[in-house]
Amino acid sequence: TWQTLLSGNLKQALGGAAAEVATVSEA
């Protein structure tokens, strides 16, 4: 759960305004 929710947490940190969630380096 924690691993898969990181992208959602990022969007929430930006108030849902992010246009893109990008992978900087592979898991």
mmCIF file of all heavy atoms, coordinates in Angstrom:
data_MODEL
# 
_entry.id   MODEL 
# 
loop_
_atom_site.group_PDB 
_atom_site.id 
_atom_site.type_symbol 
_atom_site.label_atom_id 
_atom_site.label_alt_id 
_atom_site.label_comp_id 
_atom_site.label_asym_id 
_atom_site.label_entity_id 
_atom_site.label_seq_id 
_atom_site.pdbx_PDB_ins_code 
_atom_site.Cartn_x 
_atom_site.Cartn_y 
_atom_site.Cartn_z 
_atom_site.occupancy 
_atom_site.B_iso_or_equiv 
_atom_site.pdbx_formal_charge 
_atom_site.auth_seq_id 
_atom_site.auth_comp_id 
_atom_site.auth_asym_id 
_atom_site.auth_atom_id 
_atom_site.pdbx_PDB_model_num 
ATOM 1   N N   . THR A 1 1  ? 0.831  -1.204 0.000   1.00 0.00 ? 1  THR A N   1 
ATOM 2   C CA  . THR A 1 1  ? 0.000  0.000  0.000   1.00 0.00 ? 1  THR A CA  1 
ATOM 3   C C   . THR A 1 1  ? 0.863  1.250  0.000   1.00 0.00 ? 1  THR A C   1 
ATOM 4   O O   . THR A 1 1  ? 0.644  2.178  -0.792  1.00 0.00 ? 1  THR A O   1 
ATOM 5   C CB  . THR A 1 1  ? -0.941 0.009  1.214   1.00 0.00 ? 1  THR A CB  1 
ATOM 6   O OG1 . THR A 1 1  ? -1.848 -1.089 1.115   1.00 0.00 ? 1  THR A OG1 1 
ATOM 7   C CG2 . THR A 1 1  ? -1.739 1.303  1.290   1.00 0.00 ? 1  THR A CG2 1 
ATOM 8   N N   . TRP A 1 2  ? 1.848  1.304  0.871   1.00 0.00 ? 2  TRP A N   1 
ATOM 9   C CA  . TRP A 1 2  ? 2.709  2.487  0.924   1.00 0.00 ? 2  TRP A CA  1 
ATOM 10  C C   . TRP A 1 2  ? 3.460  2.680  -0.385  1.00 0.00 ? 2  TRP A C   1 
ATOM 11  O O   . TRP A 1 2  ? 3.618  3.807  -0.865  1.00 0.00 ? 2  TRP A O   1 
ATOM 12  C CB  . TRP A 1 2  ? 3.684  2.368  2.088   1.00 0.00 ? 2  TRP A CB  1 
ATOM 13  C CG  . TRP A 1 2  ? 3.374  3.331  3.202   1.00 0.00 ? 2  TRP A CG  1 
ATOM 14  C CD1 . TRP A 1 2  ? 2.558  4.417  3.140   1.00 0.00 ? 2  TRP A CD1 1 
ATOM 15  C CD2 . TRP A 1 2  ? 3.882  3.297  4.535   1.00 0.00 ? 2  TRP A CD2 1 
ATOM 16  N NE1 . TRP A 1 2  ? 2.516  5.060  4.344   1.00 0.00 ? 2  TRP A NE1 1 
ATOM 17  C CE2 . TRP A 1 2  ? 3.320  4.392  5.224   1.00 0.00 ? 2  TRP A CE2 1 
ATOM 18  C CE3 . TRP A 1 2  ? 4.749  2.443  5.208   1.00 0.00 ? 2  TRP A CE3 1 
ATOM 19  C CZ2 . TRP A 1 2  ? 3.611  4.669  6.554   1.00 0.00 ? 2  TRP A CZ2 1 
ATOM 20  C CZ3 . TRP A 1 2  ? 5.034  2.722  6.535   1.00 0.00 ? 2  TRP A CZ3 1 
ATOM 21  C CH2 . TRP A 1 2  ? 4.475  3.815  7.200   1.00 0.00 ? 2  TRP A CH2 1 
ATOM 22  N N   . GLN A 1 3  ? 3.908  1.607  -0.977  1.00 0.00 ? 3  GLN A N   1 
ATOM 23  C CA  . GLN A 1 3  ? 4.665  1.727  -2.225  1.00 0.00 ? 3  GLN A CA  1 
ATOM 24  C C   . GLN A 1 3  ? 3.798  2.245  -3.369  1.00 0.00 ? 3  GLN A C   1 
ATOM 25  O O   . GLN A 1 3  ? 4.248  3.067  -4.174  1.00 0.00 ? 3  GLN A O   1 
ATOM 26  C CB  . GLN A 1 3  ? 5.271  0.370  -2.591  1.00 0.00 ? 3  GLN A CB  1 
ATOM 27  C CG  . GLN A 1 3  ? 6.363  -0.095 -1.640  1.00 0.00 ? 3  GLN A CG  1 
ATOM 28  C CD  . GLN A 1 3  ? 6.743  -1.546 -1.810  1.00 0.00 ? 3  GLN A CD  1 
ATOM 29  O OE1 . GLN A 1 3  ? 6.268  -2.210 -2.727  1.00 0.00 ? 3  GLN A OE1 1 
ATOM 30  N NE2 . GLN A 1 3  ? 7.579  -2.058 -0.933  1.00 0.00 ? 3  GLN A NE2 1 
ATOM 31  N N   . THR A 1 4  ? 2.561  1.776  -3.440  1.00 0.00 ? 4  THR A N   1 
ATOM 32  C CA  . THR A 1 4  ? 1.712  2.157  -4.568  1.00 0.00 ? 4  THR A CA  1 
ATOM 33  C C   . THR A 1 4  ? 1.053  3.523  -4.387  1.00 0.00 ? 4  THR A C   1 
ATOM 34  O O   . THR A 1 4  ? 0.567  4.098  -5.358  1.00 0.00 ? 4  THR A O   1 
ATOM 35  C CB  . THR A 1 4  ? 0.613  1.104  -4.799  1.00 0.00 ? 4  THR A CB  1 
ATOM 36  O OG1 . THR A 1 4  ? -0.162 0.945  -3.606  1.00 0.00 ? 4  THR A OG1 1 
ATOM 37  C CG2 . THR A 1 4  ? 1.235  -0.239 -5.166  1.00 0.00 ? 4  THR A CG2 1 
ATOM 38  N N   . LEU A 1 5  ? 1.050  4.072  -3.169  1.00 0.00 ? 5  LEU A N   1 
ATOM 39  C CA  . LEU A 1 5  ? 0.380  5.345  -2.923  1.00 0.00 ? 5  LEU A CA  1 
ATOM 40  C C   . LEU A 1 5  ? 1.300  6.556  -3.043  1.00 0.00 ? 5  LEU A C   1 
ATOM 41  O O   . LEU A 1 5  ? 0.851  7.682  -2.880  1.00 0.00 ? 5  LEU A O   1 
ATOM 42  C CB  . LEU A 1 5  ? -0.264 5.343  -1.536  1.00 0.00 ? 5  LEU A CB  1 
ATOM 43  C CG  . LEU A 1 5  ? -1.504 4.454  -1.396  1.00 0.00 ? 5  LEU A CG  1 
ATOM 44  C CD1 . LEU A 1 5  ? -2.020 4.495  0.020   1.00 0.00 ? 5  LEU A CD1 1 
ATOM 45  C CD2 . LEU A 1 5  ? -2.585 4.904  -2.368  1.00 0.00 ? 5  LEU A CD2 1 
ATOM 46  N N   . LEU A 1 6  ? 2.562  6.341  -3.363  1.00 0.00 ? 6  LEU A N   1 
ATOM 47  C CA  . LEU A 1 6  ? 3.476  7.477  -3.435  1.00 0.00 ? 6  LEU A CA  1 
ATOM 48  C C   . LEU A 1 6  ? 3.035  8.505  -4.473  1.00 0.00 ? 6  LEU A C   1 
ATOM 49  O O   . LEU A 1 6  ? 3.095  9.709  -4.235  1.00 0.00 ? 6  LEU A O   1 
ATOM 50  C CB  . LEU A 1 6  ? 4.894  6.996  -3.767  1.00 0.00 ? 6  LEU A CB  1 
ATOM 51  C CG  . LEU A 1 6  ? 5.776  6.548  -2.597  1.00 0.00 ? 6  LEU A CG  1 
ATOM 52  C CD1 . LEU A 1 6  ? 7.143  6.160  -3.116  1.00 0.00 ? 6  LEU A CD1 1 
ATOM 53  C CD2 . LEU A 1 6  ? 5.883  7.617  -1.531  1.00 0.00 ? 6  LEU A CD2 1 
ATOM 54  N N   . SER A 1 7  ? 2.604  8.038  -5.642  1.00 0.00 ? 7  SER A N   1 
ATOM 55  C CA  . SER A 1 7  ? 2.211  8.990  -6.688  1.00 0.00 ? 7  SER A CA  1 
ATOM 56  C C   . SER A 1 7  ? 0.997  9.797  -6.253  1.00 0.00 ? 7  SER A C   1 
ATOM 57  O O   . SER A 1 7  ? 0.918  11.002 -6.516  1.00 0.00 ? 7  SER A O   1 
ATOM 58  C CB  . SER A 1 7  ? 1.933  8.260  -8.004  1.00 0.00 ? 7  SER A CB  1 
ATOM 59  O OG  . SER A 1 7  ? 0.879  7.328  -7.841  1.00 0.00 ? 7  SER A OG  1 
ATOM 60  N N   . GLY A 1 8  ? 0.038  9.153  -5.573  1.00 0.00 ? 8  GLY A N   1 
ATOM 61  C CA  . GLY A 1 8  ? -1.121 9.874  -5.071  1.00 0.00 ? 8  GLY A CA  1 
ATOM 62  C C   . GLY A 1 8  ? -0.741 10.894 -4.020  1.00 0.00 ? 8  GLY A C   1 
ATOM 63  O O   . GLY A 1 8  ? -1.291 11.996 -3.978  1.00 0.00 ? 8  GLY A O   1 
ATOM 64  N N   . ASN A 1 9  ? 0.214  10.543 -3.158  1.00 0.00 ? 9  ASN A N   1 
ATOM 65  C CA  . ASN A 1 9  ? 0.675  11.486 -2.141  1.00 0.00 ? 9  ASN A CA  1 
ATOM 66  C C   . ASN A 1 9  ? 1.361  12.693 -2.775  1.00 0.00 ? 9  ASN A C   1 
ATOM 67  O O   . ASN A 1 9  ? 1.224  13.831 -2.311  1.00 0.00 ? 9  ASN A O   1 
ATOM 68  C CB  . ASN A 1 9  ? 1.636  10.788 -1.184  1.00 0.00 ? 9  ASN A CB  1 
ATOM 69  C CG  . ASN A 1 9  ? 0.926  9.800  -0.274  1.00 0.00 ? 9  ASN A CG  1 
ATOM 70  O OD1 . ASN A 1 9  ? -0.301 9.806  -0.190  1.00 0.00 ? 9  ASN A OD1 1 
ATOM 71  N ND2 . ASN A 1 9  ? 1.690  8.956  0.388   1.00 0.00 ? 9  ASN A ND2 1 
ATOM 72  N N   . LEU A 1 10 ? 2.101  12.459 -3.848  1.00 0.00 ? 10 LEU A N   1 
ATOM 73  C CA  . LEU A 1 10 ? 2.742  13.566 -4.555  1.00 0.00 ? 10 LEU A CA  1 
ATOM 74  C C   . LEU A 1 10 ? 1.700  14.531 -5.118  1.00 0.00 ? 10 LEU A C   1 
ATOM 75  O O   . LEU A 1 10 ? 1.816  15.744 -4.984  1.00 0.00 ? 10 LEU A O   1 
ATOM 76  C CB  . LEU A 1 10 ? 3.603  13.014 -5.691  1.00 0.00 ? 10 LEU A CB  1 
ATOM 77  C CG  . LEU A 1 10 ? 5.056  12.684 -5.390  1.00 0.00 ? 10 LEU A CG  1 
ATOM 78  C CD1 . LEU A 1 10 ? 5.684  11.970 -6.579  1.00 0.00 ? 10 LEU A CD1 1 
ATOM 79  C CD2 . LEU A 1 10 ? 5.850  13.924 -5.048  1.00 0.00 ? 10 LEU A CD2 1 
ATOM 80  N N   . LYS A 1 11 ? 0.688  13.979 -5.761  1.00 0.00 ? 11 LYS A N   1 
ATOM 81  C CA  . LYS A 1 11 ? -0.360 14.831 -6.310  1.00 0.00 ? 11 LYS A CA  1 
ATOM 82  C C   . LYS A 1 11 ? -1.052 15.619 -5.209  1.00 0.00 ? 11 LYS A C   1 
ATOM 83  O O   . LYS A 1 11 ? -1.380 16.794 -5.372  1.00 0.00 ? 11 LYS A O   1 
ATOM 84  C CB  . LYS A 1 11 ? -1.372 13.983 -7.075  1.00 0.00 ? 11 LYS A CB  1 
ATOM 85  C CG  . LYS A 1 11 ? -0.883 13.501 -8.425  1.00 0.00 ? 11 LYS A CG  1 
ATOM 86  C CD  . LYS A 1 11 ? -1.995 12.790 -9.178  1.00 0.00 ? 11 LYS A CD  1 
ATOM 87  C CE  . LYS A 1 11 ? -1.563 12.380 -10.572 1.00 0.00 ? 11 LYS A CE  1 
ATOM 88  N NZ  . LYS A 1 11 ? -2.656 11.718 -11.321 1.00 0.00 ? 11 LYS A NZ  1 
ATOM 89  N N   . GLN A 1 12 ? -1.289 14.956 -4.089  1.00 0.00 ? 12 GLN A N   1 
ATOM 90  C CA  . GLN A 1 12 ? -1.957 15.641 -2.987  1.00 0.00 ? 12 GLN A CA  1 
ATOM 91  C C   . GLN A 1 12 ? -1.097 16.772 -2.440  1.00 0.00 ? 12 GLN A C   1 
ATOM 92  O O   . GLN A 1 12 ? -1.596 17.832 -2.065  1.00 0.00 ? 12 GLN A O   1 
ATOM 93  C CB  . GLN A 1 12 ? -2.281 14.646 -1.873  1.00 0.00 ? 12 GLN A CB  1 
ATOM 94  C CG  . GLN A 1 12 ? -3.126 15.264 -0.767  1.00 0.00 ? 12 GLN A CG  1 
ATOM 95  C CD  . GLN A 1 12 ? -3.530 14.244 0.264   1.00 0.00 ? 12 GLN A CD  1 
ATOM 96  O OE1 . GLN A 1 12 ? -2.705 13.455 0.706   1.00 0.00 ? 12 GLN A OE1 1 
ATOM 97  N NE2 . GLN A 1 12 ? -4.787 14.253 0.645   1.00 0.00 ? 12 GLN A NE2 1 
ATOM 98  N N   . ALA A 1 13 ? 0.234  16.551 -2.400  1.00 0.00 ? 13 ALA A N   1 
ATOM 99  C CA  . ALA A 1 13 ? 1.135  17.599 -1.929  1.00 0.00 ? 13 ALA A CA  1 
ATOM 100 C C   . ALA A 1 13 ? 1.069  18.837 -2.817  1.00 0.00 ? 13 ALA A C   1 
ATOM 101 O O   . ALA A 1 13 ? 1.362  19.940 -2.376  1.00 0.00 ? 13 ALA A O   1 
ATOM 102 C CB  . ALA A 1 13 ? 2.566  17.069 -1.876  1.00 0.00 ? 13 ALA A CB  1 
ATOM 103 N N   . LEU A 1 14 ? 0.673  18.647 -4.076  1.00 0.00 ? 14 LEU A N   1 
ATOM 104 C CA  . LEU A 1 14 ? 0.536  19.767 -5.014  1.00 0.00 ? 14 LEU A CA  1 
ATOM 105 C C   . LEU A 1 14 ? -0.915 20.221 -5.140  1.00 0.00 ? 14 LEU A C   1 
ATOM 106 O O   . LEU A 1 14 ? -1.243 20.963 -6.059  1.00 0.00 ? 14 LEU A O   1 
ATOM 107 C CB  . LEU A 1 14 ? 1.068  19.351 -6.388  1.00 0.00 ? 14 LEU A CB  1 
ATOM 108 C CG  . LEU A 1 14 ? 2.573  19.106 -6.468  1.00 0.00 ? 14 LEU A CG  1 
ATOM 109 C CD1 . LEU A 1 14 ? 2.950  18.555 -7.826  1.00 0.00 ? 14 LEU A CD1 1 
ATOM 110 C CD2 . LEU A 1 14 ? 3.341  20.380 -6.188  1.00 0.00 ? 14 LEU A CD2 1 
ATOM 111 N N   . GLY A 1 15 ? -1.779 19.757 -4.259  1.00 0.00 ? 15 GLY A N   1 
ATOM 112 C CA  . GLY A 1 15 ? -3.187 20.134 -4.329  1.00 0.00 ? 15 GLY A CA  1 
ATOM 113 C C   . GLY A 1 15 ? -3.887 19.575 -5.542  1.00 0.00 ? 15 GLY A C   1 
ATOM 114 O O   . GLY A 1 15 ? -4.874 20.136 -6.015  1.00 0.00 ? 15 GLY A O   1 
ATOM 115 N N   . GLY A 1 16 ? -3.370 18.463 -6.074  1.00 0.00 ? 16 GLY A N   1 
ATOM 116 C CA  . GLY A 1 16 ? -3.989 17.841 -7.239  1.00 0.00 ? 16 GLY A CA  1 
ATOM 117 C C   . GLY A 1 16 ? -3.703 18.554 -8.539  1.00 0.00 ? 16 GLY A C   1 
ATOM 118 O O   . GLY A 1 16 ? -4.289 18.229 -9.572  1.00 0.00 ? 16 GLY A O   1 
ATOM 119 N N   . ALA A 1 17 ? -2.768 19.533 -8.505  1.00 0.00 ? 17 ALA A N   1 
ATOM 120 C CA  . ALA A 1 17 ? -2.524 20.355 -9.697  1.00 0.00 ? 17 ALA A CA  1 
ATOM 121 C C   . ALA A 1 17 ? -1.460 19.804 -10.624 1.00 0.00 ? 17 ALA A C   1 
ATOM 122 O O   . ALA A 1 17 ? -1.198 20.380 -11.665 1.00 0.00 ? 17 ALA A O   1 
ATOM 123 C CB  . ALA A 1 17 ? -2.118 21.769 -9.258  1.00 0.00 ? 17 ALA A CB  1 
ATOM 124 N N   . ALA A 1 18 ? -0.838 18.711 -10.267 1.00 0.00 ? 18 ALA A N   1 
ATOM 125 C CA  . ALA A 1 18 ? 0.260  18.195 -11.083 1.00 0.00 ? 18 ALA A CA  1 
ATOM 126 C C   . ALA A 1 18 ? -0.241 17.699 -12.428 1.00 0.00 ? 18 ALA A C   1 
ATOM 127 O O   . ALA A 1 18 ? -1.258 17.021 -12.524 1.00 0.00 ? 18 ALA A O   1 
ATOM 128 C CB  . ALA A 1 18 ? 0.980  17.066 -10.355 1.00 0.00 ? 18 ALA A CB  1 
ATOM 129 N N   . ALA A 1 19 ? 0.491  18.053 -13.472 1.00 0.00 ? 19 ALA A N   1 
ATOM 130 C CA  . ALA A 1 19 ? 0.137  17.586 -14.806 1.00 0.00 ? 19 ALA A CA  1 
ATOM 131 C C   . ALA A 1 19 ? 0.707  16.212 -15.085 1.00 0.00 ? 19 ALA A C   1 
ATOM 132 O O   . ALA A 1 19 ? 0.234  15.493 -15.955 1.00 0.00 ? 19 ALA A O   1 
ATOM 133 C CB  . ALA A 1 19 ? 0.638  18.579 -15.847 1.00 0.00 ? 19 ALA A CB  1 
ATOM 134 N N   . GLU A 1 20 ? 1.739  15.820 -14.352 1.00 0.00 ? 20 GLU A N   1 
ATOM 135 C CA  . GLU A 1 20 ? 2.434  14.574 -14.656 1.00 0.00 ? 20 GLU A CA  1 
ATOM 136 C C   . GLU A 1 20 ? 3.082  14.024 -13.394 1.00 0.00 ? 20 GLU A C   1 
ATOM 137 O O   . GLU A 1 20 ? 3.589  14.772 -12.561 1.00 0.00 ? 20 GLU A O   1 
ATOM 138 C CB  . GLU A 1 20 ? 3.524  14.836 -15.707 1.00 0.00 ? 20 GLU A CB  1 
ATOM 139 C CG  . GLU A 1 20 ? 4.354  13.613 -16.074 1.00 0.00 ? 20 GLU A CG  1 
ATOM 140 C CD  . GLU A 1 20 ? 5.500  13.979 -17.005 1.00 0.00 ? 20 GLU A CD  1 
ATOM 141 O OE1 . GLU A 1 20 ? 5.581  15.147 -17.439 1.00 0.00 ? 20 GLU A OE1 1 
ATOM 142 O OE2 . GLU A 1 20 ? 6.325  13.094 -17.276 1.00 0.00 ? 20 GLU A OE2 1 
ATOM 143 N N   . VAL A 1 21 ? 3.033  12.697 -13.237 1.00 0.00 ? 21 VAL A N   1 
ATOM 144 C CA  . VAL A 1 21 ? 3.836  12.016 -12.232 1.00 0.00 ? 21 VAL A CA  1 
ATOM 145 C C   . VAL A 1 21 ? 4.858  11.183 -12.990 1.00 0.00 ? 21 VAL A C   1 
ATOM 146 O O   . VAL A 1 21 ? 4.491  10.315 -13.784 1.00 0.00 ? 21 VAL A O   1 
ATOM 147 C CB  . VAL A 1 21 ? 2.992  11.128 -11.304 1.00 0.00 ? 21 VAL A CB  1 
ATOM 148 C CG1 . VAL A 1 21 ? 3.900  10.337 -10.363 1.00 0.00 ? 21 VAL A CG1 1 
ATOM 149 C CG2 . VAL A 1 21 ? 2.014  11.969 -10.498 1.00 0.00 ? 21 VAL A CG2 1 
ATOM 150 N N   . ALA A 1 22 ? 6.123  11.485 -12.785 1.00 0.00 ? 22 ALA A N   1 
ATOM 151 C CA  . ALA A 1 22 ? 7.189  10.849 -13.554 1.00 0.00 ? 22 ALA A CA  1 
ATOM 152 C C   . ALA A 1 22 ? 8.050  9.977  -12.653 1.00 0.00 ? 22 ALA A C   1 
ATOM 153 O O   . ALA A 1 22 ? 8.254  10.281 -11.476 1.00 0.00 ? 22 ALA A O   1 
ATOM 154 C CB  . ALA A 1 22 ? 8.064  11.913 -14.223 1.00 0.00 ? 22 ALA A CB  1 
ATOM 155 N N   . THR A 1 23 ? 8.555  8.895  -13.216 1.00 0.00 ? 23 THR A N   1 
ATOM 156 C CA  . THR A 1 23 ? 9.514  8.038  -12.527 1.00 0.00 ? 23 THR A CA  1 
ATOM 157 C C   . THR A 1 23 ? 10.914 8.560  -12.809 1.00 0.00 ? 23 THR A C   1 
ATOM 158 O O   . THR A 1 23 ? 11.356 8.567  -13.955 1.00 0.00 ? 23 THR A O   1 
ATOM 159 C CB  . THR A 1 23 ? 9.385  6.583  -13.002 1.00 0.00 ? 23 THR A CB  1 
ATOM 160 O OG1 . THR A 1 23 ? 8.074  6.099  -12.697 1.00 0.00 ? 23 THR A OG1 1 
ATOM 161 C CG2 . THR A 1 23 ? 10.409 5.694  -12.314 1.00 0.00 ? 23 THR A CG2 1 
ATOM 162 N N   . VAL A 1 24 ? 11.603 9.022  -11.760 1.00 0.00 ? 24 VAL A N   1 
ATOM 163 C CA  . VAL A 1 24 ? 12.951 9.532  -11.938 1.00 0.00 ? 24 VAL A CA  1 
ATOM 164 C C   . VAL A 1 24 ? 13.923 8.373  -12.137 1.00 0.00 ? 24 VAL A C   1 
ATOM 165 O O   . VAL A 1 24 ? 14.800 8.411  -13.003 1.00 0.00 ? 24 VAL A O   1 
ATOM 166 C CB  . VAL A 1 24 ? 13.371 10.396 -10.738 1.00 0.00 ? 24 VAL A CB  1 
ATOM 167 C CG1 . VAL A 1 24 ? 14.786 10.949 -10.936 1.00 0.00 ? 24 VAL A CG1 1 
ATOM 168 C CG2 . VAL A 1 24 ? 12.377 11.546 -10.546 1.00 0.00 ? 24 VAL A CG2 1 
ATOM 169 N N   . SER A 1 25 ? 13.773 7.334  -11.339 1.00 0.00 ? 25 SER A N   1 
ATOM 170 C CA  . SER A 1 25 ? 14.545 6.107  -11.534 1.00 0.00 ? 25 SER A CA  1 
ATOM 171 C C   . SER A 1 25 ? 13.652 4.928  -11.194 1.00 0.00 ? 25 SER A C   1 
ATOM 172 O O   . SER A 1 25 ? 12.752 5.034  -10.357 1.00 0.00 ? 25 SER A O   1 
ATOM 173 C CB  . SER A 1 25 ? 15.811 6.100  -10.674 1.00 0.00 ? 25 SER A CB  1 
ATOM 174 O OG  . SER A 1 25 ? 15.494 6.211  -9.307  1.00 0.00 ? 25 SER A OG  1 
ATOM 175 N N   . GLU A 1 26 ? 13.877 3.808  -11.846 1.00 0.00 ? 26 GLU A N   1 
ATOM 176 C CA  . GLU A 1 26 ? 13.022 2.643  -11.669 1.00 0.00 ? 26 GLU A CA  1 
ATOM 177 C C   . GLU A 1 26 ? 13.124 2.095  -10.247 1.00 0.00 ? 26 GLU A C   1 
ATOM 178 O O   . GLU A 1 26 ? 14.185 2.183  -9.608  1.00 0.00 ? 26 GLU A O   1 
ATOM 179 C CB  . GLU A 1 26 ? 13.403 1.552  -12.671 1.00 0.00 ? 26 GLU A CB  1 
ATOM 180 C CG  . GLU A 1 26 ? 13.156 1.937  -14.124 1.00 0.00 ? 26 GLU A CG  1 
ATOM 181 C CD  . GLU A 1 26 ? 11.698 2.212  -14.415 1.00 0.00 ? 26 GLU A CD  1 
ATOM 182 O OE1 . GLU A 1 26 ? 10.836 1.531  -13.813 1.00 0.00 ? 26 GLU A OE1 1 
ATOM 183 O OE2 . GLU A 1 26 ? 11.410 3.105  -15.228 1.00 0.00 ? 26 GLU A OE2 1 
ATOM 184 N N   . ALA A 1 27 ? 12.028 1.527  -9.754  1.00 0.00 ? 27 ALA A N   1 
ATOM 185 C CA  . ALA A 1 27 ? 12.029 0.915  -8.430  1.00 0.00 ? 27 ALA A CA  1 
ATOM 186 C C   . ALA A 1 27 ? 13.058 -0.206 -8.374  1.00 0.00 ? 27 ALA A C   1 
ATOM 187 O O   . ALA A 1 27 ? 13.252 -0.940 -9.352  1.00 0.00 ? 27 ALA A O   1 
ATOM 188 C CB  . ALA A 1 27 ? 10.639 0.371  -8.103  1.00 0.00 ? 27 ALA A CB  1 
# 
